[in-house]
Amino acid sequence: MSEEKQIEDIKSRFLSTVDPDTRKKVLDTLATYGSIAIDPINDLIKLTVDTDVKSHGLDLIRQIREKT
């Protein structure tokens, strides 16, 4: 399965739950894809109203950018 397809599947998992802890774990999984995960993470955090999830996603994006 291509990385793009895997990322889409992971995004679907995020959208299929409202549990903040599960959403954070999904974002952690996305972050393992490195710089190609920045846009998908950004897209997902725009869709949530939970500030903890948004903050977690922004932290992950920051960490990814620091590594590249």
C-alpha atoms as a PDB file:
ATOM      1  CA  MET A   1       0.000   0.000   0.000  1.00  0.00           C
ATOM      2  CA  SER A   2       1.345   3.422  -0.917  1.00  0.00           C
ATOM      3  CA  GLU A   3       2.157   5.998   1.745  1.00  0.00           C
ATOM      4  CA  GLU A   4      -0.550   8.250   0.354  1.00  0.00           C
ATOM      5  CA  LYS A   5      -3.171   5.511   0.807  1.00  0.00           C
ATOM      6  CA  GLN A   6      -1.889   4.749   4.307  1.00  0.00           C
ATOM      7  CA  ILE A   7      -2.165   8.418   5.253  1.00  0.00           C
ATOM      8  CA  GLU A   8      -5.726   8.554   3.924  1.00  0.00           C
ATOM      9  CA  ASP A   9      -6.627   5.496   6.019  1.00  0.00           C
ATOM     10  CA  ILE A  10      -5.114   7.118   9.101  1.00  0.00           C
ATOM     11  CA  LYS A  11      -7.036  10.330   8.440  1.00  0.00           C
ATOM     12  CA  SER A  12     -10.229   8.280   8.231  1.00  0.00           C
ATOM     13  CA  ARG A  13      -9.522   6.847  11.676  1.00  0.00           C
ATOM     14  CA  PHE A  14      -9.181  10.378  13.042  1.00  0.00           C
ATOM     15  CA  LEU A  15     -12.497  11.400  11.531  1.00  0.00           C
ATOM     16  CA  SER A  16     -14.301   8.295  12.774  1.00  0.00           C
ATOM     17  CA  THR A  17     -13.777   9.100  16.452  1.00  0.00           C
ATOM     18  CA  VAL A  18     -14.414  12.027  18.755  1.00  0.00           C
ATOM     19  CA  ASP A  19     -12.255  10.736  21.611  1.00  0.00           C
ATOM     20  CA  PRO A  20      -9.416  13.243  22.139  1.00  0.00           C
ATOM     21  CA  ASP A  21      -6.891  10.626  23.275  1.00  0.00           C
ATOM     22  CA  THR A  22      -7.563   8.463  20.241  1.00  0.00           C
ATOM     23  CA  ARG A  23      -7.290  11.477  17.964  1.00  0.00           C
ATOM     24  CA  LYS A  24      -3.915  12.386  19.505  1.00  0.00           C
ATOM     25  CA  LYS A  25      -2.670   8.832  18.935  1.00  0.00           C
ATOM     26  CA  VAL A  26      -3.796   9.020  15.308  1.00  0.00           C
ATOM     27  CA  LEU A  27      -1.880  12.283  14.904  1.00  0.00           C
ATOM     28  CA  ASP A  28       1.169  10.603  16.467  1.00  0.00           C
ATOM     29  CA  THR A  29       0.880   7.842  13.878  1.00  0.00           C
ATOM     30  CA  LEU A  30       0.680  10.390  11.076  1.00  0.00           C
ATOM     31  CA  ALA A  31       3.756  12.168  12.401  1.00  0.00           C
ATOM     32  CA  THR A  32       5.834   9.044  11.775  1.00  0.00           C
ATOM     33  CA  TYR A  33       5.577   9.841   8.052  1.00  0.00           C
ATOM     34  CA  GLY A  34       7.688  12.955   8.520  1.00  0.00           C
ATOM     35  CA  SER A  35       7.322  16.059   6.397  1.00  0.00           C
ATOM     36  CA  ILE A  36       4.660  14.562   4.120  1.00  0.00           C
ATOM     37  CA  ALA A  37       2.399  14.365   7.182  1.00  0.00           C
ATOM     38  CA  ILE A  38       2.419  18.105   7.894  1.00  0.00           C
ATOM     39  CA  ASP A  39      -0.436  18.984   5.528  1.00  0.00           C
ATOM     40  CA  PRO A  40      -2.654  16.054   6.606  1.00  0.00           C
ATOM     41  CA  ILE A  41      -2.092  16.862  10.292  1.00  0.00           C
ATOM     42  CA  ASN A  42      -2.876  20.516   9.613  1.00  0.00           C
ATOM     43  CA  ASP A  43      -6.053  19.557   7.741  1.00  0.00           C
ATOM     44  CA  LEU A  44      -7.233  17.385  10.617  1.00  0.00           C
ATOM     45  CA  ILE A  45      -6.576  19.870  13.392  1.00  0.00           C
ATOM     46  CA  LYS A  46      -8.620  22.435  11.479  1.00  0.00           C
ATOM     47  CA  LEU A  47     -11.589  20.066  11.755  1.00  0.00           C
ATOM     48  CA  THR A  48     -11.546  19.674  15.524  1.00  0.00           C
ATOM     49  CA  VAL A  49     -12.720  22.067  18.207  1.00  0.00           C
ATOM     50  CA  ASP A  50     -10.775  20.304  20.973  1.00  0.00           C
ATOM     51  CA  THR A  51      -7.948  22.653  21.944  1.00  0.00           C
ATOM     52  CA  ASP A  52      -5.815  19.819  23.378  1.00  0.00           C
ATOM     53  CA  VAL A  53      -5.947  17.958  20.063  1.00  0.00           C
ATOM     54  CA  LYS A  54      -5.159  21.146  18.128  1.00  0.00           C
ATOM     55  CA  SER A  55      -2.242  21.919  20.417  1.00  0.00           C
ATOM     56  CA  HIS A  56      -0.920  18.376  20.122  1.00  0.00           C
ATOM     57  CA  GLY A  57      -1.109  18.555  16.332  1.00  0.00           C
ATOM     58  CA  LEU A  58       0.702  21.894  16.229  1.00  0.00           C
ATOM     59  CA  ASP A  59       3.419  20.514  18.507  1.00  0.00           C
ATOM     60  CA  LEU A  60       3.867  17.549  16.171  1.00  0.00           C
ATOM     61  CA  ILE A  61       4.142  19.835  13.142  1.00  0.00           C
ATOM     62  CA  ARG A  62       6.737  21.924  14.975  1.00  0.00           C
ATOM     63  CA  GLN A  63       8.739  18.793  15.851  1.00  0.00           C
ATOM     64  CA  ILE A  64       8.613  17.525  12.267  1.00  0.00           C
ATOM     65  CA  ARG A  65       9.828  20.871  10.930  1.00  0.00           C
ATOM     66  CA  GLU A  66      12.692  20.934  13.428  1.00  0.00           C
ATOM     67  CA  LYS A  67      13.854  17.525  12.229  1.00  0.00           C
ATOM     68  CA  THR A  68      13.924  18.518   8.563  1.00  0.00           C
END
